[in-house]
Amino acid sequence: MIYLDNAATSHPKPEGVKAAISDYLDNVGASPGRSGHQLAAAAGRLLFQTRRAVARLFRLDDSGNIIFTQNATASLNLALFGLLRPGDRVLTGSLEHNSVMRPLRQLQKSHKITIDILPGNAGSHYDLNLLERWCATKNYRLAVINHASNVTGSLAPLAQMLPLFRKHGIISVVDGAQSAGACAIDLQALDPDIFCFTGHKSLYGPSGTGGFYIRPDCPATPLIFGGTGSRSENEEQPDFRPDCYESGTPNTMGLAGLKAGIEFIEKTGLAQIQRHEQKLIARLESGLRQIANLSLHGPFAEEQRVPLFSFSIKGLSPSEIGFRLDREFSILTRVGLHCAPRAHQSIGTWPQGAVRLAPGYFNCLEEMDAVINAVAEIAGEKT
């Protein structure tokens, strides 16, 4: 079996992830902050250590502004519903995932917000001059931008976009679901107001883990209220971080796995992981480009990107291609619209979508050759 659906969830996980989850279940098991006994204290230390690991990865000095949620979708919802007010105007991009677009559409109904969508293409080639004009004239409250497209793998130029938002007093929210762990991210330098991430993709953690970084002065209102294990004498929500955003018993078991996933990245070296994954992508691209009637949807090879792209074959539906890859060749991909219909409209693959290939660190070059041969056979060619 060749697993190429790492953009959905990375698989397999490093051995340390499974060991960390098992160790928590066997030797800790308690809830952090809910009791004073030694197992609760051990759980609390684990939570603190995971927060510190995330801060290290993103080059942040203070881990107190790292908030844990169950995934990037929950983080984005907290950011958007916690910051937008009735009548606000919002800027977003044309390659967004539905984890951004659906909350925005709901807020359009409930809060009567106005949404402007900055045009882009498969290479995240946004018109920065147009962006400057919009930021200067449209009185935006907030901008939410997908750092890495889950359809094309392209990276948005955050180093140019975020200073524009800051210059014009626009709150910035970054969807880092596909970029966290897949490329170097220095949040101290980028300085977004909120950066959302998930644990189960390129951070190698289990499902049900994720979170966000929030600037100390960002005024996001909590989305969920309840028990935090702190200030239990008070019926009002705590006003300090991270507690104010982390009501309810956390997924400590999953966060133990997330910590181990980040430690795997640190031990292996993010640069080494990137080099290997980019070799896999380059091999796939060079082979698939030789197939007639096949179109690649992603940035050019020399551009910065995360390790994924999509393709389509003239005359064949993505679902047929994906089905045959699975059943005939045991190659697992993601087909269709990838929960990002606007992105497919932007790159010209609407309404059928495309086939997405997302190799990971545990794939090898020989597997990429097998994929190329299988796609060529489906396309009716010989390699």
Protein backbone atom coordinates (compact mmCIF):
# COMPACT_ATOMS: atom_id res chain seq x y z
CA MET A 1 0.00 0.00 0.00
CA ILE A 2 1.25 3.48 -0.92
CA TYR A 3 -0.32 6.17 1.27
CA LEU A 4 -0.43 9.57 -0.45
CA ASP A 5 -3.14 11.25 1.63
CA ASN A 6 -0.86 12.94 4.16
CA ALA A 7 -2.51 16.31 3.53
CA ALA A 8 -5.65 14.88 5.13
CA THR A 9 -3.90 13.03 7.99
CA SER A 10 -0.28 11.93 8.11
CA HIS A 11 0.29 8.18 8.19
CA PRO A 12 2.09 6.31 9.58
CA LYS A 13 2.95 8.17 12.76
CA PRO A 14 6.44 8.05 14.27
CA GLU A 15 6.89 5.25 16.79
CA GLY A 16 7.34 7.78 19.57
CA VAL A 17 3.80 9.08 19.07
CA LYS A 18 2.23 5.71 19.77
CA ALA A 19 4.60 5.17 22.72
CA ALA A 20 3.72 8.56 24.24
CA ILE A 21 -0.02 7.91 24.02
CA SER A 22 0.43 4.45 25.55
CA ASP A 23 2.61 5.86 28.34
CA TYR A 24 -0.04 8.44 29.20
CA LEU A 25 -2.76 5.79 29.33
CA ASP A 26 -0.64 3.38 31.36
CA ASN A 27 1.12 5.72 33.75
CA VAL A 28 -0.75 9.04 33.96
CA GLY A 29 -4.38 8.89 32.90
CA ALA A 30 -5.53 11.84 35.01
CA SER A 31 -6.84 15.29 34.03
CA PRO A 32 -4.47 18.26 34.24
CA GLY A 33 -5.41 21.00 36.67
CA ARG A 34 -8.46 19.20 38.05
CA SER A 35 -6.86 17.75 41.19
CA GLY A 36 -3.77 18.18 43.35
CA HIS A 37 -2.56 14.59 43.37
CA GLN A 38 0.61 13.40 41.66
CA LEU A 39 -1.04 12.00 38.53
CA ALA A 40 -2.92 15.25 37.91
CA ALA A 41 0.37 17.10 38.40
CA ALA A 42 2.03 14.78 35.86
CA ALA A 43 -0.76 15.49 33.37
CA GLY A 44 -0.31 19.21 33.97
CA ARG A 45 3.42 18.94 33.28
CA LEU A 46 2.68 17.07 30.06
CA LEU A 47 0.34 19.83 28.91
CA PHE A 48 2.94 22.48 29.76
CA GLN A 49 5.68 20.57 27.94
CA THR A 50 3.52 20.22 24.83
CA ARG A 51 2.79 23.95 24.86
CA ARG A 52 6.50 24.62 25.12
CA ALA A 53 7.21 22.25 22.21
CA VAL A 54 4.74 24.10 19.97
CA ALA A 55 6.29 27.43 20.97
CA ARG A 56 9.78 26.14 20.13
CA LEU A 57 8.66 24.92 16.73
CA PHE A 58 7.15 28.30 15.88
CA ARG A 59 10.10 30.20 17.41
CA LEU A 60 8.10 31.87 20.13
CA ASP A 61 9.49 32.84 23.52
CA ASP A 62 6.22 32.73 25.47
CA SER A 63 4.20 29.50 25.38
CA GLY A 64 1.34 31.08 27.35
CA ASN A 65 -0.18 32.37 24.11
CA ILE A 66 -0.41 28.86 22.61
CA ILE A 67 -4.00 27.66 22.99
CA PHE A 68 -5.07 24.05 22.45
CA THR A 69 -8.24 23.06 20.60
CA GLN A 70 -9.32 19.84 18.89
CA ASN A 71 -8.26 20.96 15.38
CA ALA A 72 -7.62 23.93 13.10
CA THR A 73 -11.34 24.22 12.32
CA ALA A 74 -12.15 24.84 15.98
CA SER A 75 -9.33 27.39 16.16
CA LEU A 76 -10.56 29.25 13.08
CA ASN A 77 -14.12 29.32 14.40
CA LEU A 78 -12.93 30.77 17.69
CA ALA A 79 -10.91 33.41 15.88
CA LEU A 80 -13.66 34.45 13.46
CA PHE A 81 -16.60 34.33 15.85
CA GLY A 82 -14.50 35.81 18.64
CA LEU A 83 -13.30 38.82 16.66
CA LEU A 84 -15.94 39.78 14.09
CA ARG A 85 -18.80 42.13 14.94
CA PRO A 86 -22.05 42.93 13.13
CA GLY A 87 -21.39 44.95 10.01
CA ASP A 88 -17.64 44.23 9.81
CA ARG A 89 -15.84 43.86 6.51
CA VAL A 90 -13.54 40.85 6.01
CA LEU A 91 -10.81 40.07 3.48
CA THR A 92 -9.94 36.52 2.51
CA GLY A 93 -8.26 34.71 -0.39
CA SER A 94 -9.55 32.63 -3.26
CA LEU A 95 -7.82 29.38 -2.19
CA GLU A 96 -9.53 29.05 1.17
CA HIS A 97 -10.73 25.83 2.78
CA ASN A 98 -14.33 25.51 3.94
CA SER A 99 -13.06 25.75 7.52
CA VAL A 100 -12.73 29.45 6.69
CA MET A 101 -15.48 29.94 4.13
CA ARG A 102 -18.31 28.25 6.04
CA PRO A 103 -17.80 30.26 9.26
CA LEU A 104 -17.58 33.41 7.15
CA ARG A 105 -20.81 32.54 5.30
CA GLN A 106 -22.53 31.89 8.62
CA LEU A 107 -21.31 35.23 9.95
CA GLN A 108 -22.53 36.84 6.73
CA LYS A 109 -26.01 35.59 7.64
CA SER A 110 -25.94 36.22 11.38
CA HIS A 111 -23.72 39.33 11.65
CA LYS A 112 -24.29 40.83 8.19
CA ILE A 113 -20.55 40.99 7.56
CA THR A 114 -19.18 41.84 4.11
CA ILE A 115 -16.70 39.43 2.52
CA ASP A 116 -14.14 40.44 -0.13
CA ILE A 117 -12.16 37.64 -1.84
CA LEU A 118 -8.71 38.45 -3.20
CA PRO A 119 -8.16 36.65 -6.53
CA GLY A 120 -5.33 34.13 -6.71
CA ASN A 121 -4.21 31.18 -8.80
CA ALA A 122 -2.59 27.77 -8.38
CA GLY A 123 0.70 29.41 -7.42
CA SER A 124 -0.87 31.70 -4.78
CA HIS A 125 0.06 34.59 -7.06
CA TYR A 126 -1.95 37.29 -5.34
CA ASP A 127 -1.84 40.81 -6.74
CA LEU A 128 -0.14 42.61 -3.86
CA ASN A 129 -0.80 46.02 -5.46
CA LEU A 130 -4.51 45.24 -5.46
CA LEU A 131 -4.22 44.02 -1.88
CA GLU A 132 -2.60 47.31 -0.87
CA ARG A 133 -5.40 49.32 -2.51
CA TRP A 134 -8.11 47.22 -0.86
CA CYS A 135 -6.47 47.46 2.56
CA ALA A 136 -6.15 51.23 2.21
CA THR A 137 -9.73 51.87 1.07
CA LYS A 138 -12.13 49.16 2.28
CA ASN A 139 -11.95 49.57 6.08
CA TYR A 140 -11.40 45.90 6.91
CA ARG A 141 -11.77 44.65 10.47
CA LEU A 142 -10.05 41.32 9.76
CA ALA A 143 -8.17 39.39 7.08
CA VAL A 144 -8.03 35.58 7.08
CA ILE A 145 -5.56 33.89 4.74
CA ASN A 146 -4.73 30.26 3.99
CA HIS A 147 -0.96 29.89 4.44
CA ALA A 148 -0.72 26.73 2.29
CA SER A 149 -3.39 25.53 -0.11
CA ASN A 150 -4.66 22.01 0.55
CA VAL A 151 -5.42 21.72 -3.20
CA THR A 152 -2.23 23.00 -4.85
CA GLY A 153 0.37 23.11 -2.07
CA SER A 154 1.18 26.74 -2.85
CA LEU A 155 2.27 29.10 -0.08
CA ALA A 156 0.76 32.54 0.33
CA PRO A 157 3.33 35.37 0.59
CA LEU A 158 2.70 36.05 4.28
CA ALA A 159 5.93 38.03 4.66
CA GLN A 160 4.49 40.61 2.26
CA MET A 161 0.81 40.35 3.24
CA LEU A 162 0.96 40.51 7.03
CA PRO A 163 2.83 43.86 7.20
CA LEU A 164 0.15 45.37 4.97
CA PHE A 165 -2.55 44.23 7.37
CA ARG A 166 -0.59 45.55 10.34
CA LYS A 167 0.03 48.89 8.55
CA HIS A 168 -3.70 49.42 8.02
CA GLY A 169 -4.82 48.20 11.45
CA ILE A 170 -6.38 44.98 10.12
CA ILE A 171 -6.48 41.96 12.42
CA SER A 172 -4.76 39.01 10.73
CA VAL A 173 -5.79 35.35 11.05
CA VAL A 174 -3.69 32.68 9.31
CA ASP A 175 -4.92 29.17 8.52
CA GLY A 176 -1.79 27.08 9.03
CA ALA A 177 -3.42 23.65 8.85
CA GLN A 178 -1.26 22.54 5.90
CA SER A 179 1.90 24.50 6.66
CA ALA A 180 2.53 23.78 10.36
CA GLY A 181 5.31 21.20 10.43
CA ALA A 182 5.66 21.17 6.63
CA CYS A 183 7.83 24.29 6.41
CA ALA A 184 9.76 26.56 8.74
CA ILE A 185 7.46 29.06 10.46
CA ASP A 186 8.80 31.93 12.56
CA LEU A 187 5.78 33.52 14.18
CA GLN A 188 7.98 36.00 16.03
CA ALA A 189 9.06 37.40 12.65
CA LEU A 190 5.76 37.01 10.77
CA ASP A 191 3.77 38.52 13.66
CA PRO A 192 0.19 37.47 12.82
CA ASP A 193 -2.56 38.20 15.32
CA ILE A 194 -3.71 34.57 15.23
CA PHE A 195 -2.09 31.51 13.64
CA CYS A 196 -4.21 28.33 13.61
CA PHE A 197 -2.74 24.84 13.33
CA THR A 198 -3.76 21.20 13.50
CA GLY A 199 -1.81 18.36 15.05
CA HIS A 200 -2.70 15.40 12.86
CA LYS A 201 -1.07 16.46 9.57
CA SER A 202 2.59 17.50 9.34
CA LEU A 203 3.04 17.70 13.11
CA TYR A 204 2.60 13.89 13.21
CA GLY A 205 0.18 14.00 16.15
CA PRO A 206 -3.12 12.14 16.46
CA SER A 207 -6.50 13.41 15.33
CA GLY A 208 -8.32 15.62 17.80
CA THR A 209 -5.33 17.86 18.47
CA GLY A 210 -4.58 21.38 17.33
CA GLY A 211 -4.66 24.94 18.49
CA PHE A 212 -3.64 28.49 17.75
CA TYR A 213 -1.15 31.17 18.67
CA ILE A 214 -2.67 34.50 19.65
CA ARG A 215 -0.86 37.81 20.10
CA PRO A 216 -0.95 39.15 23.66
CA ASP A 217 -3.00 42.19 22.60
CA CYS A 218 -5.48 40.38 20.32
CA PRO A 219 -9.04 40.85 21.71
CA ALA A 220 -10.66 37.55 20.67
CA THR A 221 -13.63 36.55 22.83
CA PRO A 222 -13.73 32.90 23.98
CA LEU A 223 -16.14 30.69 22.07
CA ILE A 224 -16.68 28.07 24.81
CA PHE A 225 -17.16 28.82 28.49
CA GLY A 226 -16.91 26.43 31.42
CA GLY A 227 -14.58 24.65 33.78
CA THR A 228 -10.86 25.28 33.40
CA GLY A 229 -9.52 23.82 36.63
CA SER A 230 -8.56 27.35 37.73
CA ARG A 231 -10.42 29.97 39.79
CA SER A 232 -13.12 27.41 40.58
CA GLU A 233 -14.62 29.73 43.18
CA ASN A 234 -15.63 32.16 40.44
CA GLU A 235 -18.62 31.64 38.13
CA GLU A 236 -17.12 34.09 35.64
CA GLN A 237 -14.76 32.84 32.94
CA PRO A 238 -11.05 33.39 33.78
CA ASP A 239 -9.58 36.37 31.96
CA PHE A 240 -6.03 35.04 31.63
CA ARG A 241 -4.41 32.81 29.04
CA PRO A 242 -4.44 30.00 28.17
CA ASP A 243 -7.26 29.19 30.60
CA CYS A 244 -9.79 31.65 29.19
CA TYR A 245 -9.82 29.76 25.88
CA GLU A 246 -9.48 26.19 27.18
CA SER A 247 -12.71 25.28 28.93
CA GLY A 248 -13.39 21.59 29.43
CA THR A 249 -11.10 18.64 30.02
CA PRO A 250 -8.33 18.69 27.38
CA ASN A 251 -7.33 15.84 25.13
CA THR A 252 -4.24 15.12 27.22
CA MET A 253 -3.73 11.71 25.63
CA GLY A 254 -3.70 13.28 22.17
CA LEU A 255 -1.48 16.15 23.27
CA ALA A 256 1.04 13.62 24.59
CA GLY A 257 1.14 12.25 21.06
CA LEU A 258 1.43 15.74 19.60
CA LYS A 259 4.41 16.49 21.83
CA ALA A 260 6.09 13.31 20.59
CA GLY A 261 5.34 14.26 16.97
CA ILE A 262 7.01 17.64 17.39
CA GLU A 263 9.97 16.01 19.13
CA PHE A 264 10.30 13.71 16.10
CA ILE A 265 10.52 16.79 13.86
CA GLU A 266 13.13 18.34 16.14
CA LYS A 267 15.22 15.15 16.33
CA THR A 268 15.03 14.40 12.60
CA GLY A 269 15.42 18.02 11.57
CA LEU A 270 12.74 19.99 9.74
CA ALA A 271 15.20 20.80 6.94
CA GLN A 272 15.89 17.10 6.38
CA ILE A 273 12.18 16.30 6.33
CA GLN A 274 11.59 19.09 3.80
CA ARG A 275 14.43 17.97 1.55
CA HIS A 276 13.12 14.43 1.40
CA GLU A 277 9.52 15.47 0.77
CA GLN A 278 10.54 17.92 -1.94
CA LYS A 279 12.49 15.14 -3.68
CA LEU A 280 9.34 13.03 -3.66
CA ILE A 281 7.28 15.88 -5.11
CA ALA A 282 9.91 16.60 -7.78
CA ARG A 283 10.01 12.94 -8.84
CA LEU A 284 6.21 12.82 -9.10
CA GLU A 285 6.01 16.04 -11.07
CA SER A 286 8.75 15.14 -13.54
CA GLY A 287 7.17 11.79 -14.28
CA LEU A 288 3.57 12.93 -14.49
CA ARG A 289 4.46 15.80 -16.84
CA GLN A 290 5.37 13.22 -19.46
CA ILE A 291 1.82 11.84 -19.60
CA ALA A 292 -0.33 13.22 -22.39
CA ASN A 293 -3.67 14.80 -21.45
CA LEU A 294 -2.59 15.11 -17.80
CA SER A 295 -2.66 18.54 -16.15
CA LEU A 296 -0.81 19.39 -12.93
CA HIS A 297 -2.38 21.90 -10.55
CA GLY A 298 0.19 23.51 -8.32
CA PRO A 299 3.01 26.04 -8.26
CA PHE A 300 6.02 25.78 -10.54
CA ALA A 301 8.75 23.45 -9.31
CA GLU A 302 11.10 26.24 -8.24
CA GLU A 303 8.50 28.00 -6.10
CA GLN A 304 8.04 27.51 -2.39
CA ARG A 305 5.36 24.99 -1.55
CA VAL A 306 4.32 22.25 0.83
CA PRO A 307 4.50 18.61 -0.38
CA LEU A 308 1.23 18.21 -2.24
CA PHE A 309 -0.39 19.00 -5.59
CA SER A 310 -3.37 17.92 -7.63
CA PHE A 311 -3.76 16.60 -11.15
CA SER A 312 -6.48 15.76 -13.64
CA ILE A 313 -6.62 13.67 -16.81
CA LYS A 314 -8.70 14.77 -19.78
CA GLY A 315 -11.67 12.47 -20.29
CA LEU A 316 -11.43 10.78 -16.88
CA SER A 317 -13.24 11.83 -13.72
CA PRO A 318 -11.17 12.27 -10.54
CA SER A 319 -13.34 9.71 -8.76
CA GLU A 320 -12.60 7.09 -11.45
CA ILE A 321 -8.87 7.77 -11.25
CA GLY A 322 -8.84 7.59 -7.47
CA PHE A 323 -10.93 4.41 -7.45
CA ARG A 324 -8.61 2.65 -9.86
CA LEU A 325 -5.48 3.80 -8.04
CA ASP A 326 -6.92 2.37 -4.84
CA ARG A 327 -8.40 -0.91 -6.09
CA GLU A 328 -5.88 -1.84 -8.78
CA PHE A 329 -2.64 -0.43 -7.37
CA SER A 330 -3.25 0.11 -3.60
CA ILE A 331 -2.36 3.79 -3.99
CA LEU A 332 -4.40 5.96 -1.61
CA THR A 333 -5.17 9.52 -2.70
CA ARG A 334 -7.82 12.20 -2.14
CA VAL A 335 -10.20 13.05 -4.98
CA GLY A 336 -12.90 15.63 -5.56
CA LEU A 337 -13.15 19.18 -4.25
CA HIS A 338 -11.09 18.71 -1.05
CA CYS A 339 -13.48 20.83 1.05
CA ALA A 340 -12.23 23.83 -0.95
CA PRO A 341 -14.69 24.55 -3.78
CA ARG A 342 -13.55 28.14 -4.24
CA ALA A 343 -9.96 27.00 -4.70
CA HIS A 344 -11.07 24.66 -7.49
CA GLN A 345 -13.03 27.48 -9.09
CA SER A 346 -9.85 29.58 -8.98
CA ILE A 347 -7.63 26.97 -10.67
CA GLY A 348 -10.20 25.82 -13.26
CA THR A 349 -11.03 22.36 -11.90
CA TRP A 350 -14.61 23.13 -10.84
CA PRO A 351 -16.98 21.28 -10.53
CA GLN A 352 -15.37 17.82 -10.74
CA GLY A 353 -12.27 18.67 -8.73
CA ALA A 354 -9.00 16.79 -9.08
CA VAL A 355 -6.83 14.00 -7.68
CA ARG A 356 -4.52 15.11 -4.87
CA LEU A 357 -1.14 13.50 -4.21
CA ALA A 358 0.39 14.26 -0.81
CA PRO A 359 3.51 12.21 -0.02
CA GLY A 360 5.13 12.33 3.40
CA TYR A 361 8.42 11.67 5.10
CA PHE A 362 7.81 7.94 5.33
CA ASN A 363 7.33 7.53 1.57
CA CYS A 364 10.24 6.71 -0.75
CA LEU A 365 11.28 7.50 -4.33
CA GLU A 366 10.51 3.96 -5.51
CA GLU A 367 6.91 4.45 -4.45
CA MET A 368 6.75 7.66 -6.48
CA ASP A 369 7.89 5.73 -9.55
CA ALA A 370 5.14 3.18 -8.91
CA VAL A 371 2.59 5.98 -8.74
CA ILE A 372 3.80 7.46 -12.03
CA ASN A 373 3.53 4.07 -13.74
CA ALA A 374 0.04 3.49 -12.33
CA VAL A 375 -1.24 6.90 -13.45
CA ALA A 376 0.28 6.35 -16.90
CA GLU A 377 -1.49 3.01 -17.20
CA ILE A 378 -4.80 4.56 -16.18
CA ALA A 379 -4.24 7.33 -18.72
CA GLY A 380 -3.68 4.66 -21.36
CA GLU A 381 0.06 5.20 -21.77
CA LYS A 382 3.24 3.19 -21.31
CA THR A 383 6.21 4.56 -19.39
